[in-house]
Amino acid sequence: MTEKEKMLAGQAYKAGDEVLVKERVRCRELMLELNSRGSTDINRRRKILGELIRAGEDANIEPPFYCDYGYNIIAGKKFYANFDCVFLDVTPIVFGDNVMLGPKVQIYTATHPLNAEARIQGPESAKPITVGDNVWIGGGAILCPGVNIGSNTVIGAGSVVTRDIPEGVFAAGNPCKVVKKV
């Protein structure tokens, strides 16, 4: 398997691989253009966004926005991400329809070995993240590798989501826990 194939499969891979480095550089070029466009140039921003991620109808991301590759981000219809979001999209991050993210939401699929000796050797891996339909994620929330958030759920601002959250609930805290059904 190539390093990219390993990465996409969630296996340990070498992030310094030449192909992956080139893809991250291309992504950074698109982010630079996206982030430098003023809010008045919405059509150009949407065109760049379409080159960067796979987005449904009426998807919008407010700059600044940061990601690793872009092509692993799949957003449904009427997706909205407020200012200063970070998506480490080493494996897929999939959003359903009508998902809203507050400012500074951080979504991390990337992970590293817990063992220091293994971590020093440099392998990375990742676990995909899925967010259902009609989800609101409050500002400053962090989604950790491998979590799934059910449809019709609200994640409170500043929460750290370390495990799956079911559908139809309000969840908050660090670690994020279900507070009540909605």
Protein backbone atom coordinates (compact mmCIF):
# COMPACT_ATOMS: atom_id res chain seq x y z
CA MET A 1 0.00 0.00 0.00
CA THR A 2 1.10 3.56 -0.59
CA GLU A 3 1.38 5.91 2.39
CA LYS A 4 -1.77 7.69 1.17
CA GLU A 5 -3.68 4.40 0.97
CA LYS A 6 -2.54 3.56 4.52
CA MET A 7 -3.58 7.03 5.71
CA LEU A 8 -7.05 6.79 4.18
CA ALA A 9 -7.50 3.29 5.65
CA GLY A 10 -6.70 4.58 9.15
CA GLN A 11 -3.45 2.60 9.34
CA ALA A 12 -0.09 3.89 10.54
CA TYR A 13 1.51 5.93 7.77
CA LYS A 14 4.38 8.37 7.19
CA ALA A 15 3.08 11.93 6.93
CA GLY A 16 6.38 13.02 5.35
CA ASP A 17 5.63 10.98 2.24
CA GLU A 18 6.31 13.06 -0.89
CA VAL A 19 2.78 12.64 -2.31
CA LEU A 20 1.14 13.63 0.99
CA VAL A 21 3.40 16.63 1.42
CA LYS A 22 2.50 17.86 -2.08
CA GLU A 23 -1.21 17.40 -1.34
CA ARG A 24 -0.92 19.38 1.90
CA VAL A 25 0.94 22.16 0.09
CA ARG A 26 -1.84 22.34 -2.54
CA CYS A 27 -4.41 22.48 0.26
CA ARG A 28 -2.52 25.31 1.95
CA GLU A 29 -2.47 27.26 -1.32
CA LEU A 30 -6.25 26.95 -1.58
CA MET A 31 -6.69 27.90 2.10
CA LEU A 32 -4.50 30.95 1.62
CA GLU A 33 -6.68 32.09 -1.26
CA LEU A 34 -9.90 31.27 0.63
CA ASN A 35 -8.73 33.05 3.77
CA SER A 36 -7.50 36.13 1.90
CA ARG A 37 -10.81 36.77 0.14
CA GLY A 38 -12.98 39.40 1.77
CA SER A 39 -16.51 38.55 2.75
CA THR A 40 -17.77 40.60 -0.19
CA ASP A 41 -16.34 38.08 -2.71
CA ILE A 42 -18.69 35.24 -1.75
CA ASN A 43 -18.85 33.73 -5.25
CA ARG A 44 -15.06 33.38 -5.46
CA ARG A 45 -14.96 31.94 -1.92
CA ARG A 46 -17.57 29.32 -2.86
CA LYS A 47 -15.59 28.38 -5.97
CA ILE A 48 -12.43 27.90 -3.91
CA LEU A 49 -14.39 25.99 -1.29
CA GLY A 50 -15.65 23.69 -4.05
CA GLU A 51 -12.05 22.96 -5.05
CA LEU A 52 -11.04 22.37 -1.45
CA ILE A 53 -13.82 20.18 -0.01
CA ARG A 54 -16.80 18.14 -1.20
CA ALA A 55 -19.75 20.30 -0.24
CA GLY A 56 -23.49 20.18 -0.78
CA GLU A 57 -25.77 22.98 -1.85
CA ASP A 58 -25.49 26.24 0.12
CA ALA A 59 -22.42 25.15 2.11
CA ASN A 60 -20.39 27.98 3.58
CA ILE A 61 -17.21 28.25 5.64
CA GLU A 62 -16.21 31.62 7.04
CA PRO A 63 -12.51 32.42 6.81
CA PRO A 64 -10.11 31.87 8.32
CA PHE A 65 -10.39 28.11 7.89
CA TYR A 66 -7.68 25.47 8.17
CA CYS A 67 -7.47 21.81 7.15
CA ASP A 68 -4.83 19.24 6.16
CA TYR A 69 -6.05 17.91 2.82
CA GLY A 70 -9.59 19.16 2.16
CA TYR A 71 -10.62 16.20 0.01
CA ASN A 72 -11.52 14.20 3.13
CA ILE A 73 -14.16 16.76 4.18
CA ILE A 74 -17.66 15.92 2.99
CA ALA A 75 -20.37 18.42 3.91
CA GLY A 76 -24.09 18.05 3.26
CA LYS A 77 -26.58 20.68 2.20
CA LYS A 78 -26.69 23.94 4.15
CA PHE A 79 -23.46 23.24 6.04
CA TYR A 80 -22.11 26.27 7.89
CA ALA A 81 -18.81 26.72 9.74
CA ASN A 82 -18.17 30.01 11.52
CA PHE A 83 -14.79 31.76 11.76
CA ASP A 84 -11.49 30.07 12.64
CA CYS A 85 -12.39 26.38 12.40
CA VAL A 86 -9.67 23.70 12.11
CA PHE A 87 -10.28 20.28 10.53
CA LEU A 88 -7.43 17.76 10.60
CA ASP A 89 -8.92 15.63 7.83
CA VAL A 90 -6.43 12.78 7.55
CA THR A 91 -9.40 10.41 7.16
CA PRO A 92 -12.97 11.43 6.28
CA ILE A 93 -14.92 14.00 8.23
CA VAL A 94 -18.52 13.62 7.10
CA PHE A 95 -21.24 16.16 7.94
CA GLY A 96 -24.92 15.59 7.25
CA ASP A 97 -27.34 18.24 6.08
CA ASN A 98 -28.10 21.40 8.07
CA VAL A 99 -25.01 21.24 10.27
CA MET A 100 -23.82 24.44 11.97
CA LEU A 101 -20.46 24.97 13.65
CA GLY A 102 -19.67 27.87 15.93
CA PRO A 103 -16.36 29.72 15.74
CA LYS A 104 -13.12 27.95 16.59
CA VAL A 105 -14.54 24.42 16.35
CA GLN A 106 -11.69 21.93 16.01
CA ILE A 107 -12.13 18.50 14.48
CA TYR A 108 -9.23 16.06 14.69
CA THR A 109 -9.11 12.72 12.88
CA ALA A 110 -5.32 12.49 13.31
CA THR A 111 -3.86 10.53 16.19
CA HIS A 112 -0.44 9.31 17.36
CA PRO A 113 0.79 6.33 19.39
CA LEU A 114 0.47 6.68 23.16
CA ASN A 115 3.78 4.91 23.68
CA ALA A 116 6.58 7.50 23.62
CA GLU A 117 9.10 5.28 21.81
CA ALA A 118 6.60 4.46 19.06
CA ARG A 119 5.50 8.10 18.82
CA ILE A 120 9.09 9.30 18.42
CA GLN A 121 9.45 7.02 15.38
CA GLY A 122 6.88 9.27 13.68
CA PRO A 123 4.00 7.12 12.49
CA GLU A 124 0.58 8.74 12.44
CA SER A 125 -2.84 7.25 12.00
CA ALA A 126 -6.38 8.54 12.02
CA LYS A 127 -9.97 7.67 12.78
CA PRO A 128 -12.89 9.12 10.76
CA ILE A 129 -15.52 11.41 12.28
CA THR A 130 -19.21 11.52 11.34
CA VAL A 131 -21.73 14.21 12.26
CA GLY A 132 -25.42 13.53 11.52
CA ASP A 133 -28.10 15.83 10.11
CA ASN A 134 -29.39 18.95 11.91
CA VAL A 135 -26.48 19.17 14.35
CA TRP A 136 -25.25 22.34 16.03
CA ILE A 137 -21.73 22.32 17.48
CA GLY A 138 -21.06 25.27 19.77
CA GLY A 139 -18.02 27.52 19.53
CA GLY A 140 -14.70 26.20 20.73
CA ALA A 141 -15.81 22.56 20.80
CA ILE A 142 -13.26 19.87 20.00
CA LEU A 143 -14.14 16.57 18.32
CA CYS A 144 -11.52 13.87 18.94
CA PRO A 145 -10.58 11.09 16.51
CA GLY A 146 -13.22 8.50 15.72
CA VAL A 147 -16.27 10.10 17.30
CA ASN A 148 -19.77 10.06 15.83
CA ILE A 149 -22.46 12.60 16.65
CA GLY A 150 -26.06 11.59 16.04
CA SER A 151 -28.61 13.65 14.14
CA ASN A 152 -30.64 16.40 15.82
CA THR A 153 -28.02 16.87 18.53
CA VAL A 154 -26.49 20.00 20.05
CA ILE A 155 -22.92 20.05 21.41
CA GLY A 156 -22.34 22.82 23.95
CA ALA A 157 -19.68 25.46 23.46
CA GLY A 158 -16.24 24.48 24.70
CA SER A 159 -17.06 20.77 24.90
CA VAL A 160 -14.44 18.10 24.26
CA VAL A 161 -16.09 15.16 22.52
CA THR A 162 -14.06 12.03 23.28
CA ARG A 163 -16.74 9.39 22.56
CA ASP A 164 -19.87 8.95 20.47
CA ILE A 165 -22.88 11.15 21.25
CA PRO A 166 -26.35 9.76 20.41
CA GLU A 167 -29.01 11.50 18.36
CA GLY A 168 -31.54 13.95 19.77
CA VAL A 169 -29.61 15.18 22.80
CA PHE A 170 -27.88 18.21 24.24
CA ALA A 171 -24.38 17.20 25.33
CA ALA A 172 -21.68 19.35 26.92
CA GLY A 173 -18.58 19.37 29.06
CA ASN A 174 -15.06 18.03 29.21
CA PRO A 175 -15.38 15.20 28.57
CA CYS A 176 -18.63 15.82 26.71
CA LYS A 177 -21.62 13.97 28.20
CA VAL A 178 -25.33 13.89 27.48
CA VAL A 179 -27.10 16.52 29.59
CA LYS A 180 -30.64 15.97 28.36
CA LYS A 181 -32.78 14.78 25.46
CA VAL A 182 -34.07 17.44 23.09
